C-alpha cells in the first residue's frame, strides 16, 4: 500500500500484494453495462480505523482480485485483467455531522463517494473500484464505494464487502466463484429456452438523440427524493393489499406497487405504463451467492391504466413466481447481441430507460444484507445508493435506518419530486402511518425525508 498526503485528504492505493494475472472474459451482457458505474454510501455512528480497513481491503482483494484490476478491450470483447493495479482509498475530514451528511447522501456531488469514471476506464489505466472514508464532525463515518458495473451486480459487490468485513475481523472469508469465461458459464447454467423477450431495444435516431439529451440535462431536470416507511405502516399496507388481492403478498410486492401507484396518482397519470423490476437470477437458477459477475434479469410488466395498488401487487407476485418461464431473457439477449455484433452494442438501450414513456424501474436491494456488514464491530446505521446521474423514473428500495423499516430512493422530474415531498405526496405515501408514530432519531434529523 502506498500513500500520499495533502492538507485536506490522504490518498493511498490498496493492493493485494500479488497479481494473479488472470484475465476475465466479459460477456455481451457485461458489455451492455460497460458505461455504467454503481455508487453507494454506508454510514456508521462510530469512527472506523483507517489502517485496519486498508489492511482488510488488501486481503479481500487477494480473494477477489478483479476489483483491483483494470479493464481492456480484447479480441473477443472486454476483459478484466487481475493486475493488482489497486484500489484508491481516500480518507478525509468532513465538516458535516452524521445527520447533515445523511441529508446530502443522494447528491451526485455530495463528496462522500468518488464515482468511477465508467467510460474512461476502457483505456485500462483508471480503477474499477474506489473507496472514500469520510470522518464526520460528530465522530461518525461515511464509507462511500463506487464500482464499474462490468465487475458485477450488487450481489458481486456485497461478496467483496463480506470478504472485507471478515478480513478486518480476522474471520473466515466467504466462498467465491470467480468466473473466468462469463459467456461459457452462462451457457452452462441457463435453460435451453427462455421467455424470448428482449431486455432492451434499439431506438430510432430521433429517440436516441432525445435519450442523449436526458443524460445531458438530468442533474437540472430531476431531483432525488427519499421516502421512509416504518415497519408498522408496511404491515398495515400488506394487510390491506392481501385482503383486497385475496392472496399472500411479499413486503416487496406491496411496497413496489404502493410506490408506483402513489407516484402515478400524484402525477395524474392515467395511461397504461411499463414497470421494470431487476432480478438477481442466481436465486431462481439455484446458483451460488458467491458467483461473481452480472447475473441479472428483469421482470417487465404492462401495468393497466389506473390499476388498483393491490391488483398491481398481485401482478408483481405473479411475475416473481413465473419468472423463469415468463420473464427470464438472458439467453435471448445473448443470442441477439451476438448476432448484432459488438460494434453496435452502444445503440442498445435497456427497456427500463424510457423516460418519454415514464417507464418505472425499481431495484430492490433489501435482501443484500447491508445492515449486517460490520467493521470494527460496528454495523451501519444508514445505507443509500448514490447515483452519479439523476435519471427520471429510476428508484431503489433498501431496508431503512439500522435495518428497520424501508427506505425508497427515487429520481423524478423536478416539479413531481417537489409534490412528492409536499402534503399531497405525504398523504398518498403514508396512509397507514399513525399520527403519533415515532420515527428513528436519525430519520428525524433528515429534513428532506418524505
Protein backbone atom coordinates (compact mmCIF):
# COMPACT_ATOMS: atom_id res chain seq x y z
CA UNK A 1 0.00 0.00 0.00
CA UNK A 2 1.40 3.37 -1.00
CA UNK A 3 0.11 6.73 0.19
CA UNK A 4 0.42 10.48 -0.28
CA UNK A 5 -0.89 13.20 1.97
CA UNK A 6 -2.43 16.63 1.33
CA UNK A 7 -3.74 19.18 3.81
CA UNK A 8 -7.32 18.01 3.31
CA UNK A 9 -7.19 14.32 2.49
CA UNK A 10 -5.00 11.25 2.45
CA UNK A 11 -4.86 9.10 -0.69
CA UNK A 12 -3.44 5.61 -0.81
CA UNK A 13 -3.58 2.77 -3.30
CA UNK A 14 -4.55 -0.53 -1.69
CA UNK A 15 -3.18 -3.65 -3.33
CA UNK A 16 -3.31 -7.35 -2.54
CA UNK A 17 0.45 -7.59 -2.98
CA UNK A 18 0.31 -10.33 -5.61
CA UNK A 19 -1.11 -10.28 -9.14
CA UNK A 20 -2.76 -13.49 -10.27
CA UNK A 21 -2.50 -12.46 -13.92
CA UNK A 22 -5.95 -13.94 -14.51
CA UNK A 23 -7.96 -12.44 -17.36
CA UNK A 24 -11.74 -12.47 -17.01
CA UNK A 25 -13.52 -12.56 -20.34
CA UNK A 26 -16.66 -10.49 -20.09
CA UNK A 27 -19.86 -11.45 -21.84
CA UNK A 28 -22.17 -9.46 -24.05
CA UNK A 29 -24.42 -8.83 -21.05
CA UNK A 30 -21.48 -7.16 -19.31
CA UNK A 31 -20.78 -5.10 -22.43
CA UNK A 32 -24.29 -3.67 -22.18
CA UNK A 33 -23.25 -2.21 -18.79
CA UNK A 34 -19.83 -1.02 -19.90
CA UNK A 35 -20.60 2.68 -19.47
CA UNK A 36 -22.25 2.47 -16.06
CA UNK A 37 -20.95 2.76 -12.50
CA UNK A 38 -22.79 1.97 -9.26
CA UNK A 39 -22.15 4.05 -6.14
CA UNK A 40 -23.34 3.56 -2.56
CA UNK A 41 -22.62 5.00 0.89
CA UNK A 42 -22.63 3.23 4.28
CA UNK A 43 -22.96 5.42 7.39
CA UNK A 44 -21.61 4.42 10.80
CA UNK A 45 -22.12 6.28 14.07
CA UNK A 46 -18.59 5.36 15.22
CA UNK A 47 -15.13 6.12 13.85
CA UNK A 48 -13.58 3.35 11.73
CA UNK A 49 -9.86 2.63 11.88
CA UNK A 50 -8.32 3.55 8.54
CA UNK A 51 -5.29 1.29 8.88
CA UNK A 52 -7.35 -1.80 9.71
CA UNK A 53 -9.72 -1.02 6.86
CA UNK A 54 -6.85 -0.70 4.39
CA UNK A 55 -5.23 -3.92 5.58
CA UNK A 56 -8.56 -5.78 5.41
CA UNK A 57 -9.27 -4.47 1.92
CA UNK A 58 -5.89 -5.80 0.75
CA UNK A 59 -6.89 -9.28 1.98
CA UNK A 60 -10.29 -9.00 0.29
CA UNK A 61 -8.62 -8.02 -2.99
CA UNK A 62 -6.45 -11.10 -2.74
CA UNK A 63 -9.63 -13.20 -2.54
CA UNK A 64 -11.47 -11.24 -5.29
CA UNK A 65 -8.67 -9.72 -7.39
CA UNK A 66 -10.81 -8.32 -10.22
CA UNK A 67 -11.80 -5.34 -8.03
CA UNK A 68 -8.15 -4.28 -8.03
CA UNK A 69 -7.71 -4.91 -11.74
CA UNK A 70 -8.16 -2.89 -14.90
CA UNK A 71 -10.36 -3.09 -17.99
CA UNK A 72 -9.14 -3.59 -21.54
CA UNK A 73 -10.53 -4.41 -24.94
CA UNK A 74 -9.70 -7.90 -26.16
CA UNK A 75 -10.13 -9.68 -29.46
CA UNK A 76 -13.48 -11.08 -28.33
CA UNK A 77 -14.67 -8.11 -26.29
CA UNK A 78 -13.97 -6.58 -22.90
CA UNK A 79 -11.57 -8.21 -20.46
CA UNK A 80 -10.82 -7.59 -16.78
CA UNK A 81 -7.12 -8.04 -16.10
CA UNK A 82 -6.38 -9.04 -12.50
CA UNK A 83 -3.22 -6.96 -12.46
CA UNK A 84 -3.31 -5.81 -8.82
CA UNK A 85 -3.09 -2.22 -10.08
CA UNK A 86 -5.02 -1.42 -6.93
CA UNK A 87 -7.91 0.47 -5.43
CA UNK A 88 -7.70 4.14 -4.39
CA UNK A 89 -8.73 4.66 -0.78
CA UNK A 90 -9.23 8.32 0.09
CA UNK A 91 -9.74 9.45 3.68
CA UNK A 92 -10.71 12.96 4.69
CA UNK A 93 -12.33 15.02 7.44
CA UNK A 94 -15.85 16.22 6.61
CA UNK A 95 -17.44 19.26 8.29
CA UNK A 96 -20.94 17.75 8.47
CA UNK A 97 -22.46 15.79 11.32
CA UNK A 98 -24.00 12.38 10.66
CA UNK A 99 -27.48 13.86 10.33
CA UNK A 100 -26.27 16.56 7.94
CA UNK A 101 -24.35 14.02 5.88
CA UNK A 102 -27.42 11.82 5.57
CA UNK A 103 -29.31 14.77 4.13
CA UNK A 104 -26.70 15.08 1.36
CA UNK A 105 -26.13 11.44 0.53
CA UNK A 106 -28.30 11.40 -2.61
CA UNK A 107 -26.49 14.31 -4.25
CA UNK A 108 -24.16 13.32 -7.07
CA UNK A 109 -21.66 15.87 -5.73
CA UNK A 110 -22.15 15.01 -2.05
CA UNK A 111 -18.42 14.44 -1.60
CA UNK A 112 -18.98 11.10 0.15
CA UNK A 113 -18.20 8.88 -2.83
CA UNK A 114 -15.72 9.06 -5.70
CA UNK A 115 -17.72 7.88 -8.70
CA UNK A 116 -15.84 5.53 -11.00
CA UNK A 117 -15.30 7.15 -14.41
CA UNK A 118 -17.16 4.36 -16.19
CA UNK A 119 -16.50 5.43 -19.77
CA UNK A 120 -12.87 6.46 -19.26
CA UNK A 121 -11.75 3.16 -17.68
CA UNK A 122 -11.74 1.49 -21.10
CA UNK A 123 -8.28 2.97 -21.55
CA UNK A 124 -7.04 0.48 -18.97
CA UNK A 125 -5.41 2.89 -16.54
CA UNK A 126 -8.22 4.02 -14.22
CA UNK A 127 -9.55 1.99 -11.27
CA UNK A 128 -12.67 -0.13 -11.45
CA UNK A 129 -13.40 0.32 -7.73
CA UNK A 130 -12.96 3.34 -5.43
CA UNK A 131 -13.35 3.87 -1.68
CA UNK A 132 -13.74 7.12 0.25
CA UNK A 133 -13.63 7.22 4.06
CA UNK A 134 -15.10 10.45 5.48
CA UNK A 135 -14.62 11.23 9.17
CA UNK A 136 -17.68 13.23 10.21
CA UNK A 137 -17.69 16.14 12.64
CA UNK A 138 -19.54 14.25 15.39
CA UNK A 139 -17.41 11.09 15.27
CA UNK A 140 -19.39 9.15 12.69
CA UNK A 141 -18.05 7.74 9.44
CA UNK A 142 -19.27 7.66 5.85
CA UNK A 143 -17.87 4.82 3.76
CA UNK A 144 -18.50 5.54 0.08
CA UNK A 145 -17.89 2.88 -2.56
CA UNK A 146 -18.19 3.01 -6.34
CA UNK A 147 -17.60 0.18 -8.81
CA UNK A 148 -17.75 -0.26 -12.54
CA UNK A 149 -20.84 -2.28 -13.44
CA UNK A 150 -18.79 -4.54 -15.68
CA UNK A 151 -17.32 -6.07 -12.49
CA UNK A 152 -20.70 -7.32 -11.44
CA UNK A 153 -24.04 -6.63 -9.82
CA UNK A 154 -24.89 -5.75 -6.22
CA UNK A 155 -24.53 -9.40 -5.17
CA UNK A 156 -20.96 -9.36 -6.51
CA UNK A 157 -20.20 -6.10 -4.71
CA UNK A 158 -21.59 -7.42 -1.43
CA UNK A 159 -19.46 -10.56 -1.77
CA UNK A 160 -16.40 -8.29 -1.81
CA UNK A 161 -17.77 -6.34 1.17
CA UNK A 162 -18.34 -9.55 3.16
CA UNK A 163 -14.76 -10.58 2.42
CA UNK A 164 -13.53 -7.14 3.51
CA UNK A 165 -15.53 -7.21 6.74
CA UNK A 166 -14.35 -10.74 7.56
CA UNK A 167 -10.73 -9.81 6.86
CA UNK A 168 -10.89 -6.81 9.23
CA UNK A 169 -12.39 -9.04 11.94
CA UNK A 170 -9.89 -11.85 11.33
CA UNK A 171 -12.71 -14.24 10.38
CA UNK A 172 -13.06 -16.79 7.60
CA UNK A 173 -13.67 -15.21 4.21
CA UNK A 174 -16.75 -16.15 2.16
CA UNK A 175 -16.67 -18.70 -0.62
CA UNK A 176 -16.17 -17.10 -4.02
CA UNK A 177 -16.71 -18.43 -7.54
CA UNK A 178 -14.65 -16.25 -9.87
CA UNK A 179 -15.87 -16.99 -13.37
CA UNK A 180 -13.09 -16.54 -15.93
CA UNK A 181 -15.24 -17.02 -19.04
CA UNK A 182 -18.63 -15.49 -18.30
CA UNK A 183 -20.21 -16.43 -21.64
CA UNK A 184 -19.26 -20.08 -21.20
CA UNK A 185 -20.55 -20.08 -17.63
CA UNK A 186 -23.94 -18.67 -18.59
CA UNK A 187 -24.16 -21.17 -21.43
CA UNK A 188 -23.71 -23.97 -18.89
CA UNK A 189 -26.34 -22.78 -16.39
CA UNK A 190 -29.11 -21.16 -18.43
CA UNK A 191 -32.15 -23.12 -19.57
CA UNK A 192 -32.14 -24.07 -23.25
CA UNK A 193 -35.14 -21.80 -23.81
CA UNK A 194 -36.39 -18.71 -22.02
CA UNK A 195 -39.19 -16.19 -22.42
CA UNK A 196 -37.96 -14.99 -25.82
CA UNK A 197 -38.42 -11.36 -24.83
CA UNK A 198 -35.53 -8.95 -25.41
CA UNK A 199 -34.43 -6.91 -22.41
CA UNK A 200 -33.54 -3.87 -24.49
CA UNK A 201 -34.41 -2.05 -27.69
CA UNK A 202 -32.56 -0.19 -30.46
CA UNK A 203 -34.09 3.30 -30.68
CA UNK A 204 -34.52 5.19 -33.90
CA UNK A 205 -32.08 8.11 -34.40
CA UNK A 206 -34.61 10.72 -33.24
CA UNK A 207 -35.27 8.87 -29.97
CA UNK A 208 -31.56 8.21 -29.46
CA UNK A 209 -30.98 11.96 -29.67
CA UNK A 210 -33.70 12.60 -27.07
CA UNK A 211 -32.22 9.99 -24.74
CA UNK A 212 -28.80 11.62 -25.04
CA UNK A 213 -30.39 14.92 -24.04
CA UNK A 214 -31.98 13.25 -20.99
CA UNK A 215 -28.49 12.35 -19.79
CA UNK A 216 -27.17 15.83 -20.52
CA UNK A 217 -29.87 17.69 -18.54
CA UNK A 218 -30.52 15.05 -15.86
CA UNK A 219 -28.94 17.00 -12.98
CA UNK A 220 -31.03 20.08 -13.76
CA UNK A 221 -34.29 18.42 -14.78
CA UNK A 222 -34.64 15.86 -11.96
CA UNK A 223 -34.42 15.59 -8.19
CA UNK A 224 -33.87 12.65 -5.87
CA UNK A 225 -36.41 12.04 -3.10
CA UNK A 226 -36.03 9.62 -0.21
CA UNK A 227 -39.08 8.13 1.50
CA UNK A 228 -39.02 6.21 4.77
CA UNK A 229 -41.64 3.57 5.60
CA UNK A 230 -41.84 2.24 9.16
CA UNK A 231 -42.38 -1.44 9.86
CA UNK A 232 -45.82 -0.66 11.28
CA UNK A 233 -47.09 1.14 8.18
CA UNK A 234 -45.65 -1.53 5.89
CA UNK A 235 -47.56 -4.15 7.92
CA UNK A 236 -50.74 -2.09 7.50
CA UNK A 237 -50.24 -1.80 3.75
CA UNK A 238 -49.54 -5.51 3.45
CA UNK A 239 -52.67 -6.49 5.37
CA UNK A 240 -54.80 -4.16 3.24
CA UNK A 241 -53.37 -5.37 -0.07
CA UNK A 242 -53.56 -9.07 0.82
CA UNK A 243 -57.20 -8.74 1.78
CA UNK A 244 -58.02 -6.90 -1.46
CA UNK A 245 -55.98 -9.27 -3.64
CA UNK A 246 -57.16 -12.41 -1.86
CA UNK A 247 -53.68 -13.91 -1.71
CA UNK A 248 -50.34 -13.74 0.09
CA UNK A 249 -48.01 -10.95 -0.98
CA UNK A 250 -44.43 -10.17 -0.02
CA UNK A 251 -43.33 -6.87 1.50
CA UNK A 252 -41.52 -6.13 -1.74
CA UNK A 253 -44.65 -6.77 -3.82
CA UNK A 254 -46.63 -4.41 -1.63
CA UNK A 255 -44.10 -1.57 -1.44
CA UNK A 256 -43.31 -1.65 -5.15
CA UNK A 257 -47.00 -1.50 -6.05
CA UNK A 258 -47.73 1.16 -3.43
CA UNK A 259 -44.90 3.45 -4.50
CA UNK A 260 -45.62 3.16 -8.22
CA UNK A 261 -49.33 3.75 -7.68
CA UNK A 262 -48.77 6.74 -5.38
CA UNK A 263 -46.40 8.43 -7.82
CA UNK A 264 -48.70 7.79 -10.78
CA UNK A 265 -51.70 9.24 -8.95
CA UNK A 266 -49.74 12.26 -7.80
CA UNK A 267 -48.63 12.78 -11.40
CA UNK A 268 -52.27 12.47 -12.54
CA UNK A 269 -51.05 9.84 -14.97
CA UNK A 270 -53.94 7.81 -16.37
CA UNK A 271 -52.03 5.94 -19.09
CA UNK A 272 -51.02 2.30 -19.18
CA UNK A 273 -47.32 2.09 -18.32
CA UNK A 274 -44.45 -0.36 -18.13
CA UNK A 275 -42.82 -1.38 -14.84
CA UNK A 276 -39.34 -2.94 -14.84
CA UNK A 277 -38.06 -4.81 -11.77
CA UNK A 278 -34.42 -6.00 -11.94
CA UNK A 279 -33.94 -9.54 -10.60
CA UNK A 280 -30.98 -11.46 -9.17
CA UNK A 281 -31.17 -14.55 -11.38
CA UNK A 282 -28.96 -16.63 -9.04
CA UNK A 283 -31.85 -17.28 -6.67
CA UNK A 284 -34.11 -18.52 -9.47
CA UNK A 285 -31.50 -20.82 -11.05
CA UNK A 286 -30.06 -22.15 -7.79
CA UNK A 287 -26.64 -20.60 -8.44
CA UNK A 288 -24.20 -19.81 -5.60
CA UNK A 289 -24.38 -16.36 -4.00
CA UNK A 290 -20.59 -16.13 -4.36
CA UNK A 291 -20.75 -16.45 -8.14
CA UNK A 292 -19.28 -13.19 -9.45
CA UNK A 293 -20.47 -11.13 -12.39
CA UNK A 294 -23.68 -9.64 -13.72
CA UNK A 295 -26.24 -12.41 -13.26
CA UNK A 296 -29.23 -10.15 -13.70
CA UNK A 297 -32.58 -10.31 -15.40
CA UNK A 298 -35.75 -8.29 -15.08
CA UNK A 299 -39.47 -8.64 -14.68
CA UNK A 300 -41.23 -6.46 -17.25
CA UNK A 301 -44.89 -5.77 -16.52
CA UNK A 302 -47.52 -3.93 -18.52
CA UNK A 303 -49.45 -2.01 -15.89
CA UNK A 304 -53.06 -1.15 -16.78
CA UNK A 305 -54.13 2.48 -16.53
CA UNK A 306 -55.38 3.43 -13.05
CA UNK A 307 -54.70 -0.08 -11.70
CA UNK A 308 -55.55 -0.55 -8.05
CA UNK A 309 -52.40 -0.90 -5.94
CA UNK A 310 -53.41 -4.32 -4.60
CA UNK A 311 -54.02 -5.59 -8.14
CA UNK A 312 -50.59 -4.32 -9.17
CA UNK A 313 -49.02 -6.06 -6.16
CA UNK A 314 -50.68 -9.33 -7.24
CA UNK A 315 -49.34 -8.78 -10.77
CA UNK A 316 -45.83 -8.35 -9.36
CA UNK A 317 -46.19 -11.52 -7.27
CA UNK A 318 -47.27 -13.47 -10.34
CA UNK A 319 -44.24 -12.10 -12.20
CA UNK A 320 -41.90 -13.31 -9.46
CA UNK A 321 -43.50 -16.74 -9.34
CA UNK A 322 -43.43 -17.12 -13.11
CA UNK A 323 -40.03 -15.52 -13.66
CA UNK A 324 -38.23 -18.49 -15.24
CA UNK A 325 -40.86 -19.12 -17.90
CA UNK A 326 -42.33 -15.66 -18.47
CA UNK A 327 -39.51 -13.14 -17.84
CA UNK A 328 -36.06 -14.77 -17.98
CA UNK A 329 -34.46 -13.46 -21.17
CA UNK A 330 -30.68 -13.82 -20.72
CA UNK A 331 -30.30 -16.41 -23.47
CA UNK A 332 -32.48 -14.44 -25.86
CA UNK A 333 -30.45 -11.29 -25.15
CA UNK A 334 -27.13 -13.07 -25.62
CA UNK A 335 -28.17 -14.67 -28.89
CA UNK A 336 -29.44 -11.37 -30.28
CA UNK A 337 -26.39 -9.39 -29.23
CA UNK A 338 -24.02 -11.99 -30.65
CA UNK A 339 -25.77 -11.65 -34.00
CA UNK A 340 -25.90 -7.87 -33.79
CA UNK A 341 -22.15 -7.50 -33.33
CA UNK A 342 -20.21 -5.77 -30.60
CA UNK A 343 -19.74 -2.60 -32.62
CA UNK A 344 -23.47 -1.88 -32.33
CA UNK A 345 -23.89 -2.61 -28.61
CA UNK A 346 -23.86 1.09 -27.75
CA UNK A 347 -27.01 1.53 -29.82
CA UNK A 348 -28.95 -0.74 -27.44
CA UNK A 349 -31.00 0.77 -24.62
CA UNK A 350 -32.39 -1.21 -21.64
CA UNK A 351 -36.19 -1.45 -21.54
CA UNK A 352 -36.11 0.30 -18.17
CA UNK A 353 -34.75 3.54 -19.63
CA UNK A 354 -37.66 5.11 -21.49
CA UNK A 355 -38.37 8.47 -19.85
CA UNK A 356 -40.74 9.61 -22.57
CA UNK A 357 -42.99 6.64 -21.74
CA UNK A 358 -42.46 7.16 -17.99
CA UNK A 359 -41.19 3.61 -17.61
CA UNK A 360 -40.66 2.99 -13.89
CA UNK A 361 -37.59 0.97 -12.84
CA UNK A 362 -37.42 -0.19 -9.22
CA UNK A 363 -34.40 -2.14 -7.96
CA UNK A 364 -34.79 -3.93 -4.65
CA UNK A 365 -31.64 -4.45 -2.57
CA UNK A 366 -33.49 -5.31 0.64
CA UNK A 367 -32.03 -8.80 0.92
CA UNK A 368 -28.42 -7.82 0.27
CA UNK A 369 -27.51 -7.79 3.98
CA UNK A 370 -26.11 -4.26 4.04
CA UNK A 371 -27.04 -3.69 7.70
CA UNK A 372 -25.16 -6.79 8.82
CA UNK A 373 -21.89 -5.51 7.36
CA UNK A 374 -19.70 -4.81 10.38
CA UNK A 375 -16.35 -3.01 10.57
CA UNK A 376 -14.53 -2.75 13.88
CA UNK A 377 -17.61 -4.40 15.40
CA UNK A 378 -19.95 -1.62 14.24
CA UNK A 379 -22.80 -2.09 11.81
CA UNK A 380 -24.06 0.75 9.60
CA UNK A 381 -27.00 2.84 10.81
CA UNK A 382 -27.85 4.03 7.30
CA UNK A 383 -27.20 2.99 3.72
CA UNK A 384 -28.11 4.55 0.41
CA UNK A 385 -27.43 4.39 -3.30
CA UNK A 386 -25.62 7.49 -4.53
CA UNK A 387 -26.33 7.80 -8.24
CA UNK A 388 -23.89 9.86 -10.27
CA UNK A 389 -26.66 10.74 -12.76
CA UNK A 390 -30.25 11.55 -11.70
CA UNK A 391 -32.22 9.79 -14.42
CA UNK A 392 -36.01 10.10 -14.09
CA UNK A 393 -38.29 7.22 -13.01
CA UNK A 394 -35.39 5.23 -11.55
CA UNK A 395 -35.65 4.03 -7.94
CA UNK A 396 -34.13 1.73 -5.33
CA UNK A 397 -35.62 0.08 -2.25
CA UNK A 398 -33.48 -0.98 0.73
CA UNK A 399 -34.00 -1.61 4.43
CA UNK A 400 -34.34 1.54 6.49
CA UNK A 401 -32.19 3.00 9.23
CA UNK A 402 -30.45 0.40 11.41
CA UNK A 403 -32.22 -2.24 9.31
CA UNK A 404 -35.72 -1.20 10.41
CA UNK A 405 -38.46 -0.24 8.00
CA UNK A 406 -37.67 0.52 4.37
CA UNK A 407 -36.04 3.42 2.55
CA UNK A 408 -37.01 4.33 -1.00
CA UNK A 409 -34.71 6.46 -3.16
CA UNK A 410 -36.36 7.77 -6.32
CA UNK A 411 -35.42 10.27 -9.03
CA UNK A 412 -38.27 12.25 -10.60
CA UNK A 413 -38.79 15.39 -12.68
CA UNK A 414 -38.28 18.48 -10.50
CA UNK A 415 -41.92 19.51 -10.08
CA UNK A 416 -43.14 15.99 -9.37
CA UNK A 417 -40.35 15.47 -6.84
CA UNK A 418 -41.46 18.63 -5.05
CA UNK A 419 -45.07 17.45 -4.96
CA UNK A 420 -43.99 14.07 -3.59
CA UNK A 421 -42.33 15.84 -0.65
CA UNK A 422 -45.41 18.02 -0.13
CA UNK A 423 -48.65 17.46 1.73
CA UNK A 424 -50.42 15.66 -1.12
CA UNK A 425 -47.48 13.35 -1.64
CA UNK A 426 -47.24 12.56 2.06
CA UNK A 427 -50.93 11.65 2.20
CA UNK A 428 -50.56 9.22 -0.70
CA UNK A 429 -47.31 7.70 0.57
CA UNK A 430 -48.22 7.21 4.24
CA UNK A 431 -51.90 6.25 4.62
CA UNK A 432 -51.03 3.76 7.37
CA UNK A 433 -48.66 5.94 9.41
CA UNK A 434 -50.08 6.72 12.82
CA UNK A 435 -50.09 10.39 13.80
CA UNK A 436 -48.16 9.65 17.00
CA UNK A 437 -45.74 7.13 15.49
CA UNK A 438 -42.14 7.93 16.40
CA UNK A 439 -39.60 7.76 13.63
CA UNK A 440 -35.99 6.73 14.38
CA UNK A 441 -33.88 9.63 15.64
CA UNK A 442 -31.69 9.56 12.55
CA UNK A 443 -34.78 9.88 10.34
CA UNK A 444 -35.95 12.92 12.29
CA UNK A 445 -32.62 14.61 11.59
CA UNK A 446 -33.17 14.39 7.82
CA UNK A 447 -35.18 17.50 6.97
CA UNK A 448 -35.99 16.47 3.39
CA UNK A 449 -37.02 12.89 4.16
CA UNK A 450 -40.53 12.22 2.86
